Amino acid sequence: MSERVPSDHDAVETHRVPVESIGRTDRPRVVLPDAVDLQEGDVVGMALDGDTYHAAIETSIEGDVVVTHVADNRRVARDHEGENRLAEWIADGSVSLGGSAHLDVVTAGHQYGLRTPGTRVVYTATDSPDSSLSDIARDLDG
């Protein structure tokens, strides 16, 4: 079941997160706060100013939990293939490298959103999948 939830709703936890470049490149990364309990290899729903995509969670060289690639679906996100919607979002929007964004926790462990500070977004919140179904899917993926 899904329901519409605005980013300023009490059920949505919001964190200010840095938008950085990887090394001396213009490739972006978003450093996730410790309060967001995600681990390397997790694939989650990741909305960018309300448009729904997916992201694979990584660990940086420094040990930070980060997002560097946002893709159109789970498989593409996991394999880091296709267009990087995070890079496009930063290039097209009000968020810039060296700045910050808001990370909304819509459904912990399952669905998140990045948005431009000061904007209001409405998410379609869904329940996280049954853990046994997630385990089966993970086993099939290898």
N, C-alpha and C. Protein backbone atom coordinates (compact mmCIF):
# COMPACT_ATOMS: atom_id res chain seq x y z
N MET A 1 0.85 -1.17 0.00
CA MET A 1 0.00 0.00 0.00
C MET A 1 0.90 1.24 0.00
N SER A 2 0.47 2.26 -0.69
CA SER A 2 1.26 3.49 -0.74
C SER A 2 0.37 4.68 -0.38
N GLU A 3 1.02 5.72 0.10
CA GLU A 3 0.32 6.95 0.43
C GLU A 3 1.21 8.13 0.10
N ARG A 4 0.61 9.28 -0.11
CA ARG A 4 1.34 10.50 -0.45
C ARG A 4 1.76 11.20 0.85
N VAL A 5 3.05 11.52 0.94
CA VAL A 5 3.58 12.14 2.15
C VAL A 5 4.45 13.33 1.75
N PRO A 6 4.15 14.53 2.24
CA PRO A 6 4.99 15.69 1.92
C PRO A 6 6.28 15.67 2.74
N SER A 7 7.30 16.31 2.21
CA SER A 7 8.60 16.32 2.87
C SER A 7 8.57 17.03 4.22
N ASP A 8 7.58 17.89 4.45
CA ASP A 8 7.50 18.58 5.73
C ASP A 8 6.56 17.90 6.73
N HIS A 9 6.15 16.67 6.43
CA HIS A 9 5.29 15.90 7.32
C HIS A 9 6.11 15.38 8.51
N ASP A 10 5.48 15.24 9.67
CA ASP A 10 6.17 14.76 10.87
C ASP A 10 6.75 13.36 10.70
N ALA A 11 6.19 12.56 9.81
CA ALA A 11 6.68 11.19 9.61
C ALA A 11 7.98 11.14 8.80
N VAL A 12 8.34 12.25 8.16
CA VAL A 12 9.54 12.29 7.33
C VAL A 12 10.67 12.95 8.13
N GLU A 13 11.74 12.19 8.32
CA GLU A 13 12.92 12.69 9.03
C GLU A 13 13.85 13.32 8.00
N THR A 14 14.31 14.54 8.25
CA THR A 14 15.13 15.27 7.28
C THR A 14 16.52 15.57 7.86
N HIS A 15 17.54 15.37 7.03
CA HIS A 15 18.93 15.65 7.40
C HIS A 15 19.55 16.54 6.34
N ARG A 16 20.36 17.50 6.75
CA ARG A 16 21.16 18.29 5.79
C ARG A 16 22.40 17.47 5.50
N VAL A 17 22.68 17.25 4.21
CA VAL A 17 23.82 16.42 3.81
C VAL A 17 24.72 17.19 2.84
N PRO A 18 26.04 16.97 2.92
CA PRO A 18 26.95 17.65 2.00
C PRO A 18 26.93 17.00 0.61
N VAL A 19 27.02 17.85 -0.40
CA VAL A 19 27.16 17.39 -1.78
C VAL A 19 28.60 17.71 -2.17
N GLU A 20 29.39 16.67 -2.35
CA GLU A 20 30.82 16.84 -2.57
C GLU A 20 31.23 16.31 -3.93
N SER A 21 32.45 16.64 -4.32
CA SER A 21 33.02 16.02 -5.51
C SER A 21 33.96 14.91 -5.05
N ILE A 22 34.12 13.91 -5.89
CA ILE A 22 35.01 12.80 -5.58
C ILE A 22 36.42 13.21 -6.00
N GLY A 23 37.29 13.39 -5.02
CA GLY A 23 38.65 13.83 -5.31
C GLY A 23 38.65 15.16 -6.02
N ARG A 24 39.44 15.25 -7.09
CA ARG A 24 39.53 16.49 -7.87
C ARG A 24 38.67 16.42 -9.13
N THR A 25 37.70 15.54 -9.14
CA THR A 25 36.83 15.39 -10.31
C THR A 25 35.55 16.18 -10.10
N ASP A 26 34.71 16.17 -11.12
CA ASP A 26 33.39 16.79 -10.97
C ASP A 26 32.32 15.73 -10.74
N ARG A 27 32.74 14.50 -10.41
CA ARG A 27 31.78 13.44 -10.09
C ARG A 27 31.25 13.67 -8.68
N PRO A 28 29.93 13.69 -8.52
CA PRO A 28 29.35 14.02 -7.21
C PRO A 28 29.23 12.82 -6.29
N ARG A 29 29.17 13.14 -5.01
CA ARG A 29 28.78 12.16 -4.01
C ARG A 29 28.06 12.89 -2.90
N VAL A 30 27.13 12.19 -2.30
CA VAL A 30 26.38 12.71 -1.16
C VAL A 30 26.74 11.85 0.03
N VAL A 31 27.23 12.48 1.07
CA VAL A 31 27.62 11.76 2.29
C VAL A 31 26.38 11.63 3.18
N LEU A 32 26.05 10.39 3.52
CA LEU A 32 24.86 10.14 4.33
C LEU A 32 25.20 10.23 5.81
N PRO A 33 24.29 10.72 6.63
CA PRO A 33 24.56 10.84 8.07
C PRO A 33 24.56 9.47 8.75
N ASP A 34 25.25 9.39 9.88
CA ASP A 34 25.30 8.14 10.65
C ASP A 34 23.90 7.70 11.09
N ALA A 35 23.00 8.64 11.27
CA ALA A 35 21.63 8.33 11.72
C ALA A 35 20.86 7.50 10.70
N VAL A 36 21.30 7.53 9.43
CA VAL A 36 20.64 6.73 8.39
C VAL A 36 21.36 5.39 8.36
N ASP A 37 20.68 4.36 8.80
CA ASP A 37 21.29 3.05 8.99
C ASP A 37 21.31 2.26 7.68
N LEU A 38 22.27 2.59 6.80
CA LEU A 38 22.44 1.88 5.54
C LEU A 38 23.87 1.38 5.44
N GLN A 39 24.05 0.32 4.66
CA GLN A 39 25.36 -0.29 4.51
C GLN A 39 25.72 -0.42 3.04
N GLU A 40 27.00 -0.55 2.78
CA GLU A 40 27.46 -0.74 1.42
C GLU A 40 26.74 -1.94 0.79
N GLY A 41 26.28 -1.74 -0.44
CA GLY A 41 25.57 -2.79 -1.16
C GLY A 41 24.06 -2.70 -1.08
N ASP A 42 23.53 -1.97 -0.11
CA ASP A 42 22.08 -1.77 -0.05
C ASP A 42 21.65 -0.99 -1.29
N VAL A 43 20.51 -1.35 -1.86
CA VAL A 43 19.92 -0.60 -2.97
C VAL A 43 18.58 -0.09 -2.48
N VAL A 44 18.40 1.23 -2.57
CA VAL A 44 17.21 1.87 -2.01
C VAL A 44 16.56 2.76 -3.06
N GLY A 45 15.29 3.06 -2.86
CA GLY A 45 14.63 4.07 -3.66
C GLY A 45 15.21 5.42 -3.28
N MET A 46 15.52 6.24 -4.28
CA MET A 46 16.10 7.56 -4.02
C MET A 46 15.46 8.58 -4.96
N ALA A 47 14.57 9.38 -4.42
CA ALA A 47 13.94 10.43 -5.23
C ALA A 47 14.85 11.64 -5.28
N LEU A 48 14.85 12.32 -6.41
CA LEU A 48 15.59 13.57 -6.58
C LEU A 48 14.57 14.67 -6.87
N ASP A 49 14.36 15.54 -5.91
CA ASP A 49 13.32 16.58 -6.00
C ASP A 49 11.98 16.00 -6.45
N GLY A 50 11.66 14.79 -5.95
CA GLY A 50 10.37 14.17 -6.19
C GLY A 50 10.34 13.12 -7.30
N ASP A 51 11.34 13.10 -8.20
CA ASP A 51 11.39 12.09 -9.26
C ASP A 51 12.04 10.83 -8.71
N THR A 52 11.37 9.69 -8.85
CA THR A 52 11.81 8.46 -8.22
C THR A 52 12.83 7.71 -9.04
N TYR A 53 13.93 7.34 -8.38
CA TYR A 53 15.02 6.55 -8.97
C TYR A 53 15.48 5.54 -7.92
N HIS A 54 16.68 4.99 -8.14
CA HIS A 54 17.28 4.04 -7.20
C HIS A 54 18.76 4.33 -7.03
N ALA A 55 19.29 3.97 -5.86
CA ALA A 55 20.70 4.20 -5.58
C ALA A 55 21.29 3.02 -4.84
N ALA A 56 22.53 2.68 -5.20
CA ALA A 56 23.29 1.68 -4.46
C ALA A 56 24.15 2.42 -3.44
N ILE A 57 24.15 1.96 -2.23
CA ILE A 57 24.90 2.59 -1.15
C ILE A 57 26.34 2.09 -1.20
N GLU A 58 27.29 3.00 -1.03
CA GLU A 58 28.70 2.67 -1.08
C GLU A 58 29.40 3.20 0.18
N THR A 59 30.66 2.80 0.34
CA THR A 59 31.50 3.33 1.39
C THR A 59 32.69 4.00 0.73
N SER A 60 32.97 5.24 1.12
CA SER A 60 34.08 5.98 0.54
C SER A 60 35.41 5.50 1.12
N ILE A 61 36.49 5.96 0.54
CA ILE A 61 37.83 5.62 1.04
C ILE A 61 37.98 6.07 2.49
N GLU A 62 37.32 7.17 2.83
CA GLU A 62 37.39 7.72 4.19
C GLU A 62 36.50 6.95 5.17
N GLY A 63 35.68 6.01 4.66
CA GLY A 63 34.80 5.24 5.52
C GLY A 63 33.40 5.80 5.65
N ASP A 64 33.10 6.88 4.90
CA ASP A 64 31.76 7.46 4.94
C ASP A 64 30.80 6.63 4.09
N VAL A 65 29.54 6.58 4.50
CA VAL A 65 28.50 5.94 3.71
C VAL A 65 28.01 7.00 2.71
N VAL A 66 28.07 6.67 1.41
CA VAL A 66 27.81 7.68 0.37
C VAL A 66 26.92 7.13 -0.74
N VAL A 67 26.36 8.07 -1.50
CA VAL A 67 25.67 7.79 -2.75
C VAL A 67 26.44 8.54 -3.83
N THR A 68 26.85 7.82 -4.87
CA THR A 68 27.58 8.46 -5.98
C THR A 68 26.87 8.31 -7.31
N HIS A 69 25.90 7.41 -7.36
CA HIS A 69 25.22 7.11 -8.62
C HIS A 69 23.75 6.84 -8.33
N VAL A 70 22.87 7.55 -9.02
CA VAL A 70 21.43 7.33 -8.91
C VAL A 70 20.95 6.95 -10.30
N ALA A 71 20.20 5.86 -10.39
CA ALA A 71 19.83 5.30 -11.70
C ALA A 71 18.33 5.06 -11.80
N ASP A 72 17.91 4.70 -13.01
CA ASP A 72 16.49 4.53 -13.31
C ASP A 72 15.85 3.31 -12.66
N ASN A 73 16.62 2.25 -12.39
CA ASN A 73 16.05 1.08 -11.74
C ASN A 73 17.09 0.41 -10.85
N ARG A 74 16.65 -0.59 -10.08
CA ARG A 74 17.51 -1.24 -9.09
C ARG A 74 18.73 -1.91 -9.74
N ARG A 75 18.53 -2.63 -10.81
CA ARG A 75 19.64 -3.34 -11.44
C ARG A 75 20.70 -2.38 -11.95
N VAL A 76 20.26 -1.34 -12.63
CA VAL A 76 21.19 -0.35 -13.18
C VAL A 76 21.92 0.37 -12.03
N ALA A 77 21.22 0.65 -10.96
CA ALA A 77 21.86 1.29 -9.80
C ALA A 77 22.92 0.37 -9.20
N ARG A 78 22.58 -0.89 -9.03
CA ARG A 78 23.50 -1.86 -8.44
C ARG A 78 24.75 -2.03 -9.29
N ASP A 79 24.59 -2.01 -10.62
CA ASP A 79 25.71 -2.20 -11.54
C ASP A 79 26.40 -0.89 -11.94
N HIS A 80 25.92 0.24 -11.44
CA HIS A 80 26.47 1.56 -11.79
C HIS A 80 26.51 1.76 -13.30
N GLU A 81 25.43 1.40 -13.95
CA GLU A 81 25.32 1.56 -15.39
C GLU A 81 24.35 2.69 -15.69
N GLY A 82 24.25 3.03 -16.96
CA GLY A 82 23.26 4.02 -17.40
C GLY A 82 23.59 5.43 -16.95
N GLU A 83 22.65 6.31 -17.19
CA GLU A 83 22.81 7.71 -16.83
C GLU A 83 22.87 7.88 -15.32
N ASN A 84 23.75 8.75 -14.87
CA ASN A 84 23.84 9.07 -13.45
C ASN A 84 22.90 10.24 -13.18
N ARG A 85 21.71 9.93 -12.68
CA ARG A 85 20.70 10.95 -12.44
C ARG A 85 21.13 11.94 -11.34
N LEU A 86 21.99 11.50 -10.43
CA LEU A 86 22.51 12.41 -9.40
C LEU A 86 23.33 13.52 -10.04
N ALA A 87 24.24 13.16 -10.96
CA ALA A 87 25.06 14.16 -11.65
C ALA A 87 24.18 15.11 -12.47
N GLU A 88 23.16 14.56 -13.13
CA GLU A 88 22.24 15.40 -13.91
C GLU A 88 21.47 16.36 -13.00
N TRP A 89 21.02 15.86 -11.85
CA TRP A 89 20.24 16.66 -10.91
C TRP A 89 21.09 17.84 -10.41
N ILE A 90 22.33 17.57 -10.10
CA ILE A 90 23.21 18.63 -9.62
C ILE A 90 23.50 19.63 -10.74
N ALA A 91 23.75 19.14 -11.95
CA ALA A 91 24.04 20.02 -13.09
C ALA A 91 22.84 20.90 -13.44
N ASP A 92 21.62 20.36 -13.29
CA ASP A 92 20.41 21.07 -13.71
C ASP A 92 19.74 21.90 -12.61
N GLY A 93 20.12 21.67 -11.35
CA GLY A 93 19.34 22.26 -10.27
C GLY A 93 20.03 23.34 -9.49
N SER A 94 19.45 23.60 -8.33
CA SER A 94 19.97 24.62 -7.43
C SER A 94 21.01 24.07 -6.47
N VAL A 95 21.22 22.77 -6.50
CA VAL A 95 22.22 22.14 -5.63
C VAL A 95 23.54 22.11 -6.39
N SER A 96 24.63 22.41 -5.70
CA SER A 96 25.92 22.42 -6.38
C SER A 96 26.97 21.67 -5.57
N LEU A 97 28.02 21.26 -6.25
CA LEU A 97 29.14 20.63 -5.56
C LEU A 97 29.70 21.61 -4.55
N GLY A 98 29.96 21.13 -3.35
CA GLY A 98 30.42 22.00 -2.28
C GLY A 98 29.28 22.58 -1.47
N GLY A 99 28.07 22.35 -1.91
CA GLY A 99 26.89 22.83 -1.19
C GLY A 99 26.27 21.73 -0.35
N SER A 100 24.97 21.84 -0.16
CA SER A 100 24.27 20.82 0.61
C SER A 100 22.89 20.58 0.03
N ALA A 101 22.31 19.49 0.46
CA ALA A 101 20.95 19.12 0.07
C ALA A 101 20.24 18.61 1.31
N HIS A 102 18.94 18.39 1.19
CA HIS A 102 18.20 17.77 2.28
C HIS A 102 17.95 16.31 1.91
N LEU A 103 18.22 15.42 2.84
CA LEU A 103 17.94 14.00 2.68
C LEU A 103 16.71 13.70 3.53
N ASP A 104 15.65 13.23 2.89
CA ASP A 104 14.43 12.86 3.59
C ASP A 104 14.36 11.34 3.72
N VAL A 105 14.11 10.88 4.93
CA VAL A 105 13.90 9.45 5.18
C VAL A 105 12.40 9.23 5.09
N VAL A 106 11.96 8.63 3.99
CA VAL A 106 10.53 8.41 3.75
C VAL A 106 10.12 7.09 4.40
N THR A 107 10.82 6.01 4.08
CA THR A 107 10.65 4.70 4.71
C THR A 107 12.04 4.18 5.03
N ALA A 108 12.42 4.16 6.29
CA ALA A 108 13.79 3.81 6.69
C ALA A 108 14.22 2.47 6.10
N GLY A 109 15.42 2.46 5.53
CA GLY A 109 15.97 1.25 4.95
C GLY A 109 15.46 0.92 3.57
N HIS A 110 14.53 1.73 3.05
CA HIS A 110 13.88 1.39 1.80
C HIS A 110 13.73 2.57 0.84
N GLN A 111 13.29 3.72 1.34
CA GLN A 111 12.96 4.83 0.45
C GLN A 111 13.42 6.16 1.05
N TYR A 112 14.17 6.91 0.21
CA TYR A 112 14.74 8.18 0.62
C TYR A 112 14.52 9.21 -0.47
N GLY A 113 14.75 10.47 -0.14
CA GLY A 113 14.65 11.53 -1.13
C GLY A 113 15.69 12.59 -0.89
N LEU A 114 16.32 13.05 -1.96
CA LEU A 114 17.20 14.21 -1.90
C LEU A 114 16.44 15.37 -2.52
N ARG A 115 16.52 16.52 -1.87
CA ARG A 115 15.83 17.69 -2.43
C ARG A 115 16.64 18.94 -2.18
N THR A 116 16.36 19.92 -3.00
CA THR A 116 16.96 21.22 -2.88
C THR A 116 16.47 21.87 -1.59
N PRO A 117 17.38 22.39 -0.75
CA PRO A 117 16.93 23.05 0.48
C PRO A 117 15.91 24.15 0.17
N GLY A 118 14.89 24.19 0.99
CA GLY A 118 13.84 25.20 0.82
C GLY A 118 12.70 24.78 -0.07
N THR A 119 12.81 23.63 -0.71
CA THR A 119 11.71 23.15 -1.55
C THR A 119 10.89 22.13 -0.78
N ARG A 120 9.65 21.99 -1.19
CA ARG A 120 8.73 21.00 -0.61
C ARG A 120 8.43 19.98 -1.69
N VAL A 121 8.53 18.72 -1.33
CA VAL A 121 8.31 17.62 -2.26
C VAL A 121 7.25 16.70 -1.66
N VAL A 122 6.44 16.09 -2.50
CA VAL A 122 5.48 15.10 -2.04
C VAL A 122 5.93 13.74 -2.56
N TYR A 123 6.14 12.81 -1.65
CA TYR A 123 6.59 11.47 -1.98
C TYR A 123 5.42 10.49 -1.98
N THR A 124 5.55 9.44 -2.77
CA THR A 124 4.63 8.31 -2.68
C THR A 124 5.33 7.28 -1.81
N ALA A 125 4.93 7.23 -0.54
CA ALA A 125 5.56 6.35 0.43
C ALA A 125 5.01 4.94 0.28
N THR A 126 5.91 3.97 0.25
CA THR A 126 5.51 2.57 0.18
C THR A 126 6.12 1.82 1.35
N ASP A 127 5.50 0.72 1.70
CA ASP A 127 6.05 -0.13 2.76
C ASP A 127 7.30 -0.80 2.23
N SER A 128 8.25 -1.07 3.12
CA SER A 128 9.44 -1.79 2.69
C SER A 128 9.04 -3.24 2.41
N PRO A 129 9.76 -3.89 1.47
CA PRO A 129 9.40 -5.25 1.11
C PRO A 129 9.63 -6.22 2.27
N ASP A 130 8.89 -7.30 2.26
CA ASP A 130 9.06 -8.37 3.23
C ASP A 130 10.52 -8.82 3.17
N SER A 131 11.16 -8.98 4.33
CA SER A 131 12.58 -9.32 4.34
C SER A 131 12.86 -10.65 3.65
N SER A 132 11.94 -11.61 3.72
CA SER A 132 12.18 -12.89 3.05
C SER A 132 12.18 -12.71 1.53
N LEU A 133 11.32 -11.82 1.00
CA LEU A 133 11.33 -11.56 -0.42
C LEU A 133 12.61 -10.85 -0.84
N SER A 134 13.09 -9.93 -0.02
CA SER A 134 14.36 -9.24 -0.31
C SER A 134 15.51 -10.22 -0.32
N ASP A 135 15.50 -11.17 0.62
CA ASP A 135 16.57 -12.17 0.67
C ASP A 135 16.57 -13.05 -0.56
N ILE A 136 15.39 -13.43 -1.04
CA ILE A 136 15.28 -14.24 -2.25
C ILE A 136 15.81 -13.46 -3.45
N ALA A 137 15.43 -12.22 -3.58
CA ALA A 137 15.89 -11.39 -4.69
C ALA A 137 17.40 -11.21 -4.63
N ARG A 138 17.95 -11.01 -3.46
CA ARG A 138 19.40 -10.84 -3.30
C ARG A 138 20.11 -12.13 -3.70
N ASP A 139 19.55 -13.30 -3.33
CA ASP A 139 20.14 -14.58 -3.69
C ASP A 139 20.12 -14.79 -5.20
N LEU A 140 19.04 -14.40 -5.85
CA LEU A 140 18.94 -14.54 -7.30
C LEU A 140 19.93 -13.64 -8.03
N ASP A 141 20.18 -12.44 -7.46
CA ASP A 141 21.11 -11.51 -8.07
C ASP A 141 22.56 -11.97 -7.92
N GLY A 142 22.80 -12.86 -7.01
CA GLY A 142 24.17 -13.37 -6.82
C GLY A 142 24.81 -12.67 -5.74
